[in-house]
Amino acid sequence: MSDGFKDKMRGAGDKVKGEAKEAFGKITDDKKKQAEGKADKAKGAAKDTKGDVKDTLNHSDEQNDRER
């Protein structure tokens, strides 16, 4: 399993956690919980992007190795 994939999975987990917190915050009218949920979703999106970058770099390295 690649490092990029691991980051994407962690990011997906943070996004789900964030969705749940934000929904709970809306139901209970808890602004702090809503903000925490939004922050968790942003954190998840950042991890997802990090995973994409790692995958792109790894793919580029593999392609360069084949060309040599």
Protein backbone atom coordinates (compact mmCIF):
# COMPACT_ATOMS: atom_id res chain seq x y z
CA MET A 1 0.00 0.00 0.00
CA SER A 2 1.48 3.34 -1.03
CA ASP A 3 2.00 6.26 1.33
CA GLY A 4 -0.29 8.34 -0.85
CA PHE A 5 -3.10 5.83 -0.46
CA LYS A 6 -2.66 5.81 3.31
CA ASP A 7 -2.93 9.61 3.39
CA LYS A 8 -6.06 9.47 1.25
CA MET A 9 -7.65 6.94 3.61
CA ARG A 10 -6.79 9.08 6.65
CA GLY A 11 -8.21 12.07 4.86
CA ALA A 12 -11.44 10.24 4.10
CA GLY A 13 -11.74 9.33 7.77
CA ASP A 14 -11.29 12.94 8.82
CA LYS A 15 -13.89 14.06 6.28
CA VAL A 16 -16.44 11.56 7.60
CA LYS A 17 -15.70 12.57 11.19
CA GLY A 18 -16.08 16.21 10.20
CA GLU A 19 -19.41 15.59 8.47
CA ALA A 20 -20.72 13.85 11.59
CA LYS A 21 -19.55 16.61 13.92
CA GLU A 22 -20.95 19.32 11.71
CA ALA A 23 -24.32 17.55 11.40
CA PHE A 24 -24.46 16.99 15.16
CA GLY A 25 -23.63 20.65 15.71
CA LYS A 26 -26.44 21.74 13.40
CA ILE A 27 -28.96 19.45 15.11
CA THR A 28 -27.98 20.63 18.59
CA ASP A 29 -27.33 24.24 17.51
CA ASP A 30 -23.76 23.92 18.78
CA LYS A 31 -21.66 26.40 16.78
CA LYS A 32 -18.40 25.11 18.28
CA LYS A 33 -19.13 21.54 17.14
CA GLN A 34 -20.04 22.82 13.68
CA ALA A 35 -16.72 24.67 13.48
CA GLU A 36 -14.83 21.57 14.64
CA GLY A 37 -16.58 19.59 11.92
CA LYS A 38 -15.61 22.08 9.25
CA ALA A 39 -12.02 22.04 10.51
CA ASP A 40 -11.92 18.23 10.41
CA LYS A 41 -13.26 18.25 6.85
CA ALA A 42 -10.57 20.76 5.82
CA LYS A 43 -7.93 18.63 7.52
CA GLY A 44 -9.22 15.61 5.60
CA ALA A 45 -9.13 17.47 2.31
CA ALA A 46 -5.53 18.50 2.99
CA LYS A 47 -4.53 14.89 3.69
CA ASP A 48 -6.28 13.80 0.51
CA THR A 49 -4.33 16.38 -1.49
CA LYS A 50 -1.12 15.27 0.21
CA GLY A 51 -1.87 11.71 -0.88
CA ASP A 52 -2.45 12.84 -4.46
CA VAL A 53 0.87 14.67 -4.50
CA LYS A 54 2.73 11.63 -3.12
CA ASP A 55 1.10 9.37 -5.72
CA THR A 56 2.02 11.77 -8.50
CA LEU A 57 5.62 12.00 -7.33
CA ASN A 58 5.92 8.23 -6.94
CA HIS A 59 4.43 7.68 -10.40
CA SER A 60 6.84 10.23 -11.87
CA ASP A 61 9.81 8.55 -10.17
CA GLU A 62 8.76 5.14 -11.46
CA GLN A 63 8.38 6.50 -14.97
CA ASN A 64 11.83 8.13 -14.83
CA ASP A 65 13.38 4.86 -13.63
CA ARG A 66 11.85 3.00 -16.62
CA GLU A 67 13.23 5.57 -19.07
CA ARG A 68 16.78 5.10 -17.87
